[in-house]
Protein backbone atom coordinates (compact mmCIF):
# COMPACT_ATOMS: atom_id res chain seq x y z
CA MET A 1 16.19 16.01 -11.41
CA SER A 2 17.73 12.20 -11.82
CA ASP A 3 16.28 10.08 -14.38
CA SER A 4 13.09 7.98 -13.91
CA SER A 5 12.27 4.79 -15.31
CA ARG A 6 10.15 6.41 -18.14
CA ASP A 7 13.61 8.02 -19.24
CA THR A 8 16.29 5.19 -18.89
CA ALA A 9 17.17 1.61 -17.76
CA ALA A 10 19.53 3.39 -15.35
CA GLY A 11 16.81 5.41 -13.94
CA ALA A 12 14.72 2.29 -13.44
CA GLY A 13 17.79 0.72 -11.44
CA TRP A 14 18.98 -1.82 -13.94
CA GLY A 15 22.80 -2.02 -14.28
CA ASP A 16 26.01 -2.01 -12.57
CA ALA A 17 24.86 0.46 -10.05
CA ASP A 18 26.55 1.41 -6.54
CA ARG A 19 24.09 -0.14 -3.82
CA GLY A 20 22.59 2.46 -1.49
CA ALA A 21 23.58 3.15 2.00
CA TYR A 22 20.14 1.93 3.63
CA ARG A 23 21.81 -1.13 4.88
CA ARG A 24 23.65 1.17 7.75
CA LEU A 25 20.12 1.76 9.22
CA MET A 26 19.15 -1.98 9.32
CA PRO A 27 19.62 -4.06 12.87
CA GLY A 28 22.03 -6.50 13.10
CA ARG A 29 19.71 -9.63 12.26
CA VAL A 30 17.01 -9.27 9.53
CA GLU A 31 14.01 -11.63 9.88
CA LYS A 32 13.36 -13.00 6.26
CA ILE A 33 9.49 -13.62 5.71
CA SER A 34 8.55 -16.26 3.52
CA TRP A 35 5.00 -16.82 2.42
CA LEU A 36 5.72 -20.37 1.77
CA ASN A 37 6.40 -20.97 5.57
CA PRO A 38 3.66 -23.26 6.96
CA ARG A 39 4.11 -21.69 10.31
CA LEU A 40 3.75 -18.35 8.82
CA LEU A 41 0.60 -18.92 6.99
CA TRP A 42 -0.89 -20.67 10.11
CA ALA A 43 0.01 -17.52 11.97
CA ALA A 44 -1.89 -15.41 9.43
CA ARG A 45 -4.90 -17.53 9.15
CA ASN A 46 -7.29 -15.34 10.57
CA GLY A 47 -8.29 -13.65 7.15
CA VAL A 48 -9.30 -17.07 5.47
CA LEU A 49 -11.26 -18.06 9.10
CA ALA A 50 -13.14 -14.90 8.38
CA SER A 51 -14.07 -15.59 4.95
CA TRP A 52 -15.14 -19.16 6.12
CA PHE A 53 -16.95 -18.58 9.46
CA GLY A 54 -17.75 -14.84 9.30
CA ASP A 55 -15.96 -11.71 9.80
CA PRO A 56 -15.89 -10.58 13.57
CA THR A 57 -13.89 -7.39 12.84
CA GLY A 58 -16.86 -4.97 12.44
CA ARG A 59 -18.01 -5.86 16.07
CA THR A 60 -14.05 -5.83 17.40
CA ARG A 61 -13.70 -2.65 15.88
CA GLY A 62 -17.06 -0.97 17.36
CA ARG A 63 -15.56 -2.24 20.90
CA LEU A 64 -12.14 -0.50 20.22
CA VAL A 65 -13.77 2.76 19.07
CA ALA A 66 -16.41 2.70 22.00
CA GLN A 67 -13.17 2.13 24.23
CA ARG A 68 -11.17 5.05 22.79
CA GLU A 69 -14.25 7.33 23.33
CA SER A 70 -14.79 6.78 26.77
CA ALA A 71 -11.07 7.37 27.28
CA GLY A 72 -11.61 10.97 25.93
CA ALA A 73 -10.63 10.52 22.10
CA PRO A 74 -13.26 13.07 20.26
CA ALA A 75 -16.66 11.56 19.15
CA ASP A 76 -16.50 12.74 15.61
CA LYS A 77 -12.69 11.21 15.17
CA ILE A 78 -11.49 14.37 13.65
CA ILE A 79 -7.83 15.23 14.37
CA ARG A 80 -7.62 19.16 14.03
CA ARG A 81 -4.05 20.50 13.12
CA THR A 82 -3.02 23.95 12.81
CA GLU A 83 -1.43 23.59 9.51
CA PRO A 84 -1.05 26.99 7.22
CA ASP A 85 -3.03 27.13 4.02
CA GLU A 86 0.05 25.81 2.22
CA PHE A 87 1.71 22.48 3.48
CA SER A 88 2.78 19.29 2.56
CA PHE A 89 2.41 15.60 3.72
CA MET A 90 3.90 12.11 3.14
CA VAL A 91 1.85 8.90 2.23
CA ILE A 92 3.65 5.63 2.15
CA GLY A 93 1.51 1.88 1.84
CA ASP A 94 2.26 -1.88 3.17
CA THR A 95 5.83 -0.92 4.70
CA GLY A 96 6.21 -3.31 7.46
CA GLU A 97 8.38 -6.56 6.33
CA GLY A 98 11.68 -4.95 8.18
CA ASP A 99 14.10 -6.39 5.24
CA ASP A 100 15.83 -4.87 2.71
CA PRO A 101 13.21 -3.56 0.45
CA GLN A 102 11.59 -1.51 3.43
CA TYR A 103 14.83 -0.10 4.37
CA ALA A 104 15.93 0.99 1.20
CA VAL A 105 12.91 3.21 0.84
CA VAL A 106 13.67 5.05 4.13
CA PRO A 107 16.94 7.41 2.76
CA GLY A 108 14.58 8.75 -0.30
CA PHE A 109 11.67 9.06 1.99
CA LEU A 110 13.62 11.02 4.53
CA ARG A 111 15.12 13.36 2.08
CA VAL A 112 11.83 14.09 0.32
CA GLY A 113 10.09 14.23 3.40
CA GLN A 114 12.12 17.36 4.71
CA GLY A 115 9.79 20.17 6.14
CA THR A 116 6.67 17.83 5.32
CA SER A 117 4.06 18.46 8.46
CA PHE A 118 3.11 14.61 9.05
CA ALA A 119 3.05 11.17 7.24
CA VAL A 120 0.35 8.75 6.93
CA LEU A 121 1.10 4.97 6.81
CA ALA A 122 -1.69 3.41 4.46
CA SER A 123 -2.09 -0.34 5.36
CA ASP A 124 -0.23 -3.16 6.63
CA VAL A 125 2.20 -1.43 9.01
CA ILE A 126 3.52 -4.77 10.36
CA TYR A 127 4.03 -7.84 8.55
CA PRO A 128 3.04 -10.84 8.96
CA VAL A 129 0.55 -10.66 11.91
CA GLY A 130 0.98 -7.41 13.40
CA SER A 131 2.85 -8.35 16.53
CA ALA A 132 3.59 -5.69 19.06
CA ASP A 133 7.11 -7.03 19.10
CA ASP A 134 7.64 -6.61 15.54
CA TYR A 135 7.09 -2.52 16.08
CA GLU A 136 10.77 -1.99 16.91
CA THR A 137 12.41 -3.22 13.65
CA LYS A 138 9.42 -2.42 11.31
CA PHE A 139 8.05 0.80 12.42
CA PHE A 140 10.26 2.73 15.01
CA ARG A 141 13.38 2.15 13.67
CA PRO A 142 13.04 2.83 10.14
CA TYR A 143 11.11 5.95 10.86
CA ARG A 144 13.13 7.38 13.48
CA ASP A 145 14.69 10.03 11.90
CA TYR A 146 11.16 11.33 10.31
CA ARG A 147 10.77 14.42 12.47
CA ALA A 148 6.89 14.68 12.43
CA PRO A 149 4.29 12.82 13.32
CA ILE A 150 2.89 9.61 11.67
CA TYR A 151 -0.57 8.25 11.33
CA ALA A 152 -1.84 5.02 10.07
CA ILE A 153 -4.73 3.06 8.98
CA PRO A 154 -4.57 -0.84 9.72
CA GLY A 155 -4.35 -3.41 6.60
CA ASN A 156 -5.46 -6.94 6.98
CA HIS A 157 -2.48 -8.02 8.44
CA ASP A 158 -2.55 -5.72 11.40
CA TRP A 159 -5.87 -7.19 12.14
CA TYR A 160 -4.14 -10.80 12.29
CA GLU A 161 -4.13 -10.23 15.89
CA ASP A 162 -7.17 -8.16 16.37
CA LEU A 163 -5.31 -4.72 16.06
CA GLY A 164 -4.24 -4.74 19.71
CA ALA A 165 -0.63 -3.77 18.71
CA PHE A 166 -2.15 -1.00 16.22
CA MET A 167 -4.08 0.36 18.71
CA ARG A 168 -1.23 0.55 21.27
CA VAL A 169 1.11 2.25 19.06
CA PHE A 170 -1.25 4.60 17.20
CA CYS A 171 -4.34 5.26 19.51
CA GLY A 172 -2.69 6.16 23.27
CA ASP A 173 -1.46 2.64 24.54
CA ALA A 174 -4.87 1.44 24.42
CA PRO A 175 -5.74 -0.99 26.87
CA ALA A 176 -6.48 -4.73 25.78
CA LEU A 177 -10.26 -5.29 25.27
CA PRO A 178 -11.99 -7.75 28.13
CA ALA A 179 -12.86 -10.96 26.38
CA GLU A 180 -16.33 -11.41 24.98
CA PRO A 181 -18.25 -14.70 25.85
CA ALA A 182 -17.43 -17.68 24.28
CA PRO A 183 -19.83 -18.96 21.64
CA ARG A 184 -21.61 -21.83 21.82
CA PRO A 185 -20.83 -25.06 20.11
CA PRO A 186 -21.37 -26.04 17.70
CA SER A 187 -21.83 -22.85 15.48
CA ARG A 188 -19.62 -21.26 12.97
CA ALA A 189 -18.36 -18.41 15.37
CA TRP A 190 -17.69 -21.34 17.91
CA LEU A 191 -15.43 -22.90 15.14
CA ARG A 192 -13.97 -19.50 14.21
CA SER A 193 -13.27 -18.89 17.85
CA LEU A 194 -11.65 -21.96 18.46
CA LEU A 195 -9.22 -21.58 15.47
CA TRP A 196 -8.67 -17.89 15.85
CA HIS A 197 -5.10 -16.68 16.15
CA ARG A 198 -4.50 -14.49 19.21
CA PRO A 199 -1.04 -12.46 20.33
CA ARG A 200 1.22 -14.12 22.89
CA PRO A 201 0.52 -12.84 26.62
CA ASP A 202 3.88 -11.42 26.79
CA ASP A 203 3.75 -9.65 23.41
CA GLY A 204 5.01 -6.18 23.43
CA ARG A 205 7.25 -6.54 26.64
CA HIS A 206 9.90 -4.43 24.51
CA LEU A 207 7.44 -1.45 23.41
CA ALA A 208 8.64 0.98 25.58
CA ARG A 209 12.07 0.61 24.58
CA ALA A 210 10.88 0.96 20.96
CA ARG A 211 9.17 4.07 21.55
CA ALA A 212 12.13 5.74 22.67
CA LEU A 213 13.26 5.70 18.99
CA ARG A 214 10.87 8.00 17.90
CA GLY A 215 10.66 10.05 21.38
CA GLU A 216 10.98 13.35 20.29
CA ALA A 217 7.93 15.68 20.87
CA VAL A 218 7.45 16.77 17.30
CA GLN A 219 7.35 13.12 16.58
CA GLN A 220 4.15 12.03 18.78
CA ALA A 221 0.51 11.64 17.38
CA VAL A 222 -2.32 10.01 18.90
CA GLN A 223 -5.12 9.14 17.04
CA PRO A 224 -8.85 8.51 18.00
CA GLY A 225 -8.95 5.11 16.62
CA PRO A 226 -8.59 2.89 13.63
CA TYR A 227 -10.26 5.01 11.07
CA TRP A 228 -9.95 9.09 11.87
CA ALA A 229 -9.99 12.53 9.75
CA ILE A 230 -7.46 14.80 9.64
CA ASP A 231 -8.38 18.73 9.11
CA ALA A 232 -5.26 20.42 7.77
CA GLY A 233 -5.05 23.70 5.79
CA PRO A 234 -7.87 23.74 3.24
CA VAL A 235 -8.28 20.01 3.20
CA ARG A 236 -9.98 17.05 4.84
CA ILE A 237 -7.82 13.89 4.73
CA ILE A 238 -10.17 10.70 5.81
CA GLY A 239 -8.43 7.42 6.76
CA ILE A 240 -10.83 4.49 6.81
CA ASP A 241 -10.08 0.84 8.06
CA THR A 242 -11.48 -2.23 5.88
CA GLY A 243 -10.29 -4.72 8.07
CA LEU A 244 -9.78 -8.28 7.27
CA LEU A 245 -11.90 -8.53 3.88
CA GLY A 246 -12.10 -5.10 2.56
CA VAL A 247 -15.66 -4.22 3.72
CA LEU A 248 -16.77 -1.47 6.10
CA ASP A 249 -18.91 -2.13 8.74
CA ALA A 250 -22.15 0.03 8.95
CA GLU A 251 -21.16 1.98 12.01
CA GLN A 252 -17.80 3.22 9.83
CA GLY A 253 -19.91 3.83 7.21
CA ALA A 254 -22.30 5.94 8.76
CA TRP A 255 -19.35 8.34 10.09
CA LEU A 256 -18.06 8.15 6.58
CA ARG A 257 -21.18 9.75 5.37
CA GLU A 258 -21.17 11.97 8.05
CA VAL A 259 -17.69 13.61 7.79
CA SER A 260 -18.05 13.56 4.11
CA GLN A 261 -20.32 16.46 4.28
CA GLY A 262 -19.75 20.12 3.45
CA PRO A 263 -17.77 22.15 0.52
CA ARG A 264 -13.93 21.12 1.98
CA PRO A 265 -12.04 19.19 -0.26
CA LYS A 266 -11.35 15.62 0.51
CA ILE A 267 -8.80 12.99 0.29
CA LEU A 268 -9.50 9.33 1.12
CA ILE A 269 -6.99 7.17 2.51
CA THR A 270 -8.03 3.55 2.39
CA GLY A 271 -6.57 -0.29 2.71
CA SER A 272 -8.44 -1.44 -0.10
CA PRO A 273 -7.88 0.81 -3.36
CA LEU A 274 -11.07 1.58 -5.37
CA TYR A 275 -9.76 0.95 -8.55
CA VAL A 276 -6.84 -1.53 -9.08
CA ASP A 277 -5.20 -3.72 -11.70
CA GLY A 278 -7.67 -2.01 -14.43
CA GLU A 279 -10.72 -2.97 -12.67
CA HIS A 280 -13.09 -1.34 -10.14
CA HIS A 281 -13.32 -2.36 -6.52
CA PRO A 282 -16.03 -0.23 -4.91
CA CYS A 283 -15.60 -1.08 -1.51
CA PRO A 284 -19.16 -2.54 0.22
CA ILE A 285 -20.55 -1.08 3.38
CA GLU A 286 -22.48 -3.34 5.63
CA GLY A 287 -26.30 -2.41 5.59
CA GLY A 288 -25.87 -1.24 1.53
CA GLY A 289 -24.13 1.49 -0.49
CA THR A 290 -20.37 1.56 -1.18
CA VAL A 291 -17.23 3.68 -0.27
CA ASP A 292 -17.19 4.85 -4.16
CA ASP A 293 -20.65 6.08 -3.79
CA ILE A 294 -19.64 8.62 -1.19
CA VAL A 295 -16.27 9.39 -2.66
CA SER A 296 -17.74 10.04 -6.09
CA ALA A 297 -20.79 12.12 -4.65
CA PRO A 298 -20.43 15.64 -5.95
CA ALA A 299 -21.89 17.08 -2.92
CA HIS A 300 -18.94 15.92 -0.79
CA HIS A 301 -16.05 17.23 -2.64
CA PHE A 302 -13.39 14.13 -2.49
CA VAL A 303 -10.60 14.99 -4.92
CA ALA A 304 -8.55 12.03 -4.40
CA ALA A 305 -8.65 8.43 -3.11
CA ILE A 306 -5.49 6.61 -2.01
CA GLY A 307 -5.48 3.03 -1.44
CA GLY A 308 -2.78 0.74 -0.10
CA ASP A 309 -2.75 -3.25 0.30
CA ILE A 310 -1.29 -3.73 -3.56
CA HIS A 311 2.24 -3.54 -3.33
CA ASN A 312 2.99 -0.94 -6.31
CA TYR A 313 1.73 2.44 -7.77
CA GLN A 314 -0.94 2.87 -10.09
CA ARG A 315 -3.41 6.24 -10.91
CA TYR A 316 -6.49 6.24 -12.68
CA PRO A 317 -7.71 9.64 -13.62
CA VAL A 318 -11.71 9.12 -13.43
CA ARG A 319 -14.07 11.52 -15.09
CA LEU A 320 -17.11 11.76 -13.35
CA ALA A 321 -20.40 12.67 -14.49
CA ASP A 322 -20.47 16.00 -13.01
CA GLY A 323 -17.34 17.17 -15.04
CA ARG A 324 -14.66 16.69 -12.39
CA THR A 325 -11.61 14.11 -12.49
CA LEU A 326 -11.11 12.19 -9.44
CA GLN A 327 -7.61 10.81 -9.10
CA TYR A 328 -7.90 7.33 -8.10
CA VAL A 329 -4.46 5.90 -6.77
CA VAL A 330 -2.80 2.82 -5.32
CA ALA A 331 0.21 3.29 -3.44
CA GLY A 332 1.24 0.44 -1.65
CA GLY A 333 4.82 -0.05 -2.62
CA GLY A 334 6.32 1.24 0.66
CA GLY A 335 8.38 -1.61 1.56
CA ALA A 336 6.46 -5.12 1.10
CA PHE A 337 7.68 -7.49 -1.86
CA MET A 338 6.42 -6.19 -5.22
CA HIS A 339 3.09 -7.24 -6.70
CA ALA A 340 3.63 -7.55 -10.25
CA THR A 341 2.20 -4.64 -13.24
CA HIS A 342 3.08 -6.53 -15.77
CA THR A 343 -0.11 -8.75 -15.52
CA ILE A 344 -2.38 -5.41 -15.56
CA PRO A 345 -4.33 -5.80 -18.98
CA ARG A 346 -4.63 -2.94 -21.74
CA VAL A 347 -6.63 -0.41 -19.39
CA SER A 348 -10.21 0.61 -20.05
CA VAL A 349 -12.13 0.95 -17.29
CA ALA A 350 -14.58 4.28 -16.14
CA GLY A 351 -13.54 6.09 -19.29
CA VAL A 352 -9.82 5.53 -17.86
CA THR A 353 -7.50 4.25 -21.14
CA GLU A 354 -3.94 3.27 -21.31
CA GLY A 355 -3.16 6.92 -22.24
CA ASP A 356 -4.35 8.26 -19.08
CA PHE A 357 -2.93 5.42 -16.69
CA ARG A 358 0.13 5.53 -14.86
CA CYS A 359 2.25 2.82 -12.81
CA TYR A 360 5.45 2.05 -11.20
CA PRO A 361 7.42 -0.16 -11.93
CA LEU A 362 6.68 0.13 -15.33
CA ARG A 363 5.10 -3.11 -16.91
CA GLY A 364 8.49 -4.20 -18.86
CA ASP A 365 10.58 -3.56 -15.93
CA SER A 366 8.01 -5.71 -13.82
CA LEU A 367 8.25 -8.77 -16.43
CA ALA A 368 12.06 -8.75 -16.32
CA PHE A 369 11.82 -8.46 -12.73
CA TYR A 370 9.99 -11.54 -12.29
CA SER A 371 11.76 -13.38 -15.11
CA ARG A 372 14.99 -12.92 -13.40
CA LEU A 373 13.44 -14.17 -10.35
CA TYR A 374 12.03 -17.05 -11.79
CA GLY A 375 15.15 -17.93 -13.83
CA ARG A 376 17.13 -17.94 -10.53
CA ARG A 377 14.67 -20.15 -8.66
CA LEU A 378 14.18 -22.56 -11.04
CA ARG A 379 17.62 -22.70 -12.23
CA LEU A 380 16.78 -21.90 -15.86
CA ARG A 381 18.33 -18.45 -16.29
CA ARG A 382 19.80 -18.79 -19.80
CA PHE A 383 15.93 -19.73 -20.69
CA PHE A 384 13.79 -17.40 -18.46
CA ALA A 385 15.59 -14.21 -17.54
CA LEU A 386 14.74 -11.32 -20.28
CA THR A 387 16.70 -7.99 -20.39
CA GLU A 388 14.69 -5.04 -19.60
CA GLU A 389 14.69 -4.07 -23.32
CA GLU A 390 13.19 -7.85 -24.22
CA ALA A 391 10.61 -7.48 -21.68
CA GLN A 392 9.57 -3.81 -22.63
CA ALA A 393 9.18 -5.01 -26.24
CA VAL A 394 6.91 -7.88 -25.94
CA VAL A 395 4.82 -5.81 -23.23
CA ALA A 396 4.30 -3.27 -25.88
CA GLU A 397 3.39 -6.15 -28.69
CA ARG A 398 0.86 -7.64 -26.44
CA LEU A 399 -0.62 -4.67 -25.22
CA GLY A 400 -0.55 -3.05 -28.60
CA ILE A 401 0.83 0.33 -27.11
CA PRO A 402 4.25 1.86 -27.86
CA PRO A 403 7.16 1.30 -25.32
CA THR A 404 6.88 3.25 -22.15
CA ARG A 405 10.38 4.29 -22.12
CA THR A 406 12.59 5.57 -24.69
CA PRO A 407 13.53 2.43 -26.83
CA GLY A 408 16.98 1.68 -27.30
CA PRO A 409 18.69 -1.07 -30.17
CA GLN A 410 15.63 -2.82 -31.62
CA VAL A 411 14.81 -6.00 -30.15
CA ARG A 412 13.30 -8.86 -32.03
CA VAL A 413 10.38 -10.54 -30.08
CA THR A 414 11.11 -14.04 -30.33
CA ARG A 415 8.80 -17.54 -29.91
CA ARG A 416 10.74 -17.76 -26.32
CA ILE A 417 10.06 -14.03 -25.19
CA ARG A 418 6.25 -14.44 -25.85
CA LEU A 419 6.22 -17.79 -24.06
CA ILE A 420 8.20 -16.42 -21.08
CA ALA A 421 5.39 -13.15 -21.15
CA SER A 422 2.70 -15.63 -21.34
CA LEU A 423 3.78 -17.91 -18.56
CA LEU A 424 4.39 -14.97 -16.39
CA GLY A 425 1.02 -13.70 -16.69
CA SER A 426 2.14 -10.72 -19.09
CA GLY A 427 -1.42 -8.54 -19.68
CA SER A 428 -3.34 -8.28 -22.80
CA ARG A 429 -5.69 -6.58 -24.90
CA PRO A 430 -9.42 -6.88 -24.06
CA GLU A 431 -10.01 -8.60 -27.51
CA HIS A 432 -7.19 -11.28 -26.88
CA ARG A 433 -8.58 -12.37 -23.61
CA THR A 434 -10.43 -15.35 -22.84
CA ARG A 435 -13.28 -16.09 -20.23
CA PHE A 436 -10.79 -18.98 -18.66
CA ARG A 437 -8.22 -16.26 -17.64
CA LEU A 438 -6.19 -17.40 -14.65
CA PRO A 439 -5.83 -15.08 -11.81
CA VAL A 440 -1.91 -14.80 -13.10
CA ARG A 441 -1.40 -12.32 -10.42
CA LYS A 442 -1.62 -14.49 -7.39
CA ILE A 443 -0.48 -17.73 -9.25
CA TYR A 444 2.34 -16.61 -11.10
CA THR A 445 4.06 -13.71 -9.38
CA GLN A 446 3.56 -15.12 -5.45
CA LEU A 447 4.56 -18.92 -5.99
CA PHE A 448 8.09 -18.06 -5.12
CA SER A 449 7.52 -15.59 -2.39
CA PRO A 450 9.07 -12.70 -4.02
CA GLY A 451 9.39 -10.91 -0.56
CA SER A 452 11.96 -13.57 0.73
CA ALA A 453 13.91 -13.62 -2.76
CA THR A 454 14.90 -10.18 -3.99
CA TYR A 455 17.57 -9.25 -1.66
CA SER A 456 19.47 -6.94 -4.38
CA PRO A 457 18.54 -3.96 -6.35
CA PRO A 458 16.46 -2.62 -7.96
CA PHE A 459 13.43 -3.26 -5.43
CA PHE A 460 10.59 -0.90 -7.27
CA LYS A 461 9.32 0.77 -4.31
CA CYS A 462 7.50 4.08 -3.97
CA PHE A 463 6.18 6.75 -1.73
CA LEU A 464 4.12 9.89 -2.38
CA ARG A 465 4.68 13.41 -1.17
CA LEU A 466 1.49 15.64 -1.69
CA ASP A 467 1.67 19.42 -1.54
CA VAL A 468 -1.22 21.35 -0.39
CA SER A 469 -2.43 24.94 -1.20
CA PRO A 470 -5.57 27.05 -1.44
CA GLU A 471 -5.69 26.38 -5.29
CA ALA A 472 -4.21 22.84 -5.63
CA VAL A 473 -3.01 19.48 -4.33
CA ARG A 474 0.45 18.43 -6.34
CA LEU A 475 0.84 14.52 -6.03
CA ARG A 476 4.28 13.16 -6.69
CA CYS A 477 5.04 9.42 -6.70
CA HIS A 478 9.12 9.04 -5.86
CA ALA A 479 10.87 5.91 -6.62
CA ALA A 480 13.22 4.01 -4.31
CA THR A 481 15.31 1.01 -5.98
CA GLY A 482 17.99 0.38 -3.20
CA ASN A 483 20.69 2.15 -5.65
CA LEU A 484 22.59 5.14 -4.54
CA ALA A 485 21.60 7.01 -7.34
CA GLN A 486 17.86 7.37 -6.43
CA GLU A 487 18.69 7.13 -2.90
CA LEU A 488 20.38 10.59 -3.16
CA ASN A 489 17.64 12.06 -5.43
CA PRO A 490 14.70 9.96 -5.75
CA PRO A 491 13.40 10.23 -9.26
CA VAL A 492 9.72 11.34 -9.82
CA GLU A 493 7.84 8.61 -11.48
CA ASP A 494 4.42 10.21 -11.68
CA GLU A 495 3.08 13.48 -11.14
CA VAL A 496 -0.36 15.23 -11.20
CA VAL A 497 -1.74 18.47 -10.00
CA ILE A 498 -5.18 18.48 -8.72
CA PRO A 499 -7.36 21.40 -8.71
CA LEU A 500 -9.22 22.38 -5.41
CA VAL A 501 -11.50 25.14 -6.66
């Protein structure tokens, strides 16, 4: 097995490594997404409008689900597969930027995914606004050689055009919904409707050609809607749609409670992780209760909850009151720009401490990555750029933990190194935080749009493989850096065996 980032700096992708062959898979012309582009931000305005003027996604989702049921989709939204008691499946989240970081994941994903029964895309299949015309280069082309079905749950970006393209691709080419009556002015709904972003009338004109890239019979899958359950072997996998604002509508909440009944072990896939960045986000349900209330209830027998949306890997083994340990996982590192991990403070949440917590990239690698990015963008490389050893040392000092990777030569942490770590929002111990702590992940680590600034390895991407048996689920997080070594033999960055009995 190849070295991981926990073993060596080379295993993390640093150094003069050979670039992988992933660029051969890419189209000739690649759109480079910049989240500072005013036109892109205007196109992606629906999330802001929903938070200002009310979120219409619950009502839209209800209409989409009713339309699918009238077309013959099962009312219980359960996909019944004939898997044996032992099978494997893949999970990959937040994939669809269509550039180097997304395609760099593909060779390792295909290698590790050989023999798996299906894959699940967990959140944000397509950036920036879920357009149907983007599916060719951001879904069908990259995964054309994965010879098994792919199911998906939408993320907020897939909802920026009212989920029409997602439904056409994953739900049996569902037709467009008829328009609702226009709201009366000067209501909040009228203002929202006036400003709402909608797809172009000719969006999706190339979709038939794109589908041919995944046209084999073994690759086909039709799901009953944007949320669903899969019965496969001894487990039930439940995918929920958290829409634009990370909230479940009342109808979907009632369905989740119903489909969670019974002794069968269950795994949740969600676009809004329940534990992330050292915090608990239980995900509210309209009308009362939370998703985590359902997931943590002993009678429902959930063993894991895997969420996308945040573009890295994190794992929180939470011990519940009844003695069970439930694995809460963030798995959104499948292709979009990397969200920092070095901004995660020392973990102490729901009984999970630093000794239990796992993340990828390691915090030191994340800090080194962003220091080099900012040094390049600010033209202050000599001042800003930290080596991976310097970054690892200052993170260990700030968090009061030993270095995660086997340390190399002794590094003296200087004032400059501490200043850069502070400017880039490196996490700290609880006793060192202040009540005025800024939302550093959003301010510092997205200011220069890392997605459009990182086109050379290491990319610090990841994906999951889950091997299921009647006794246990083995979950492994594999890394993809864009370098040849990790492409040929994707290292395992984290592994946990989850008992089912």
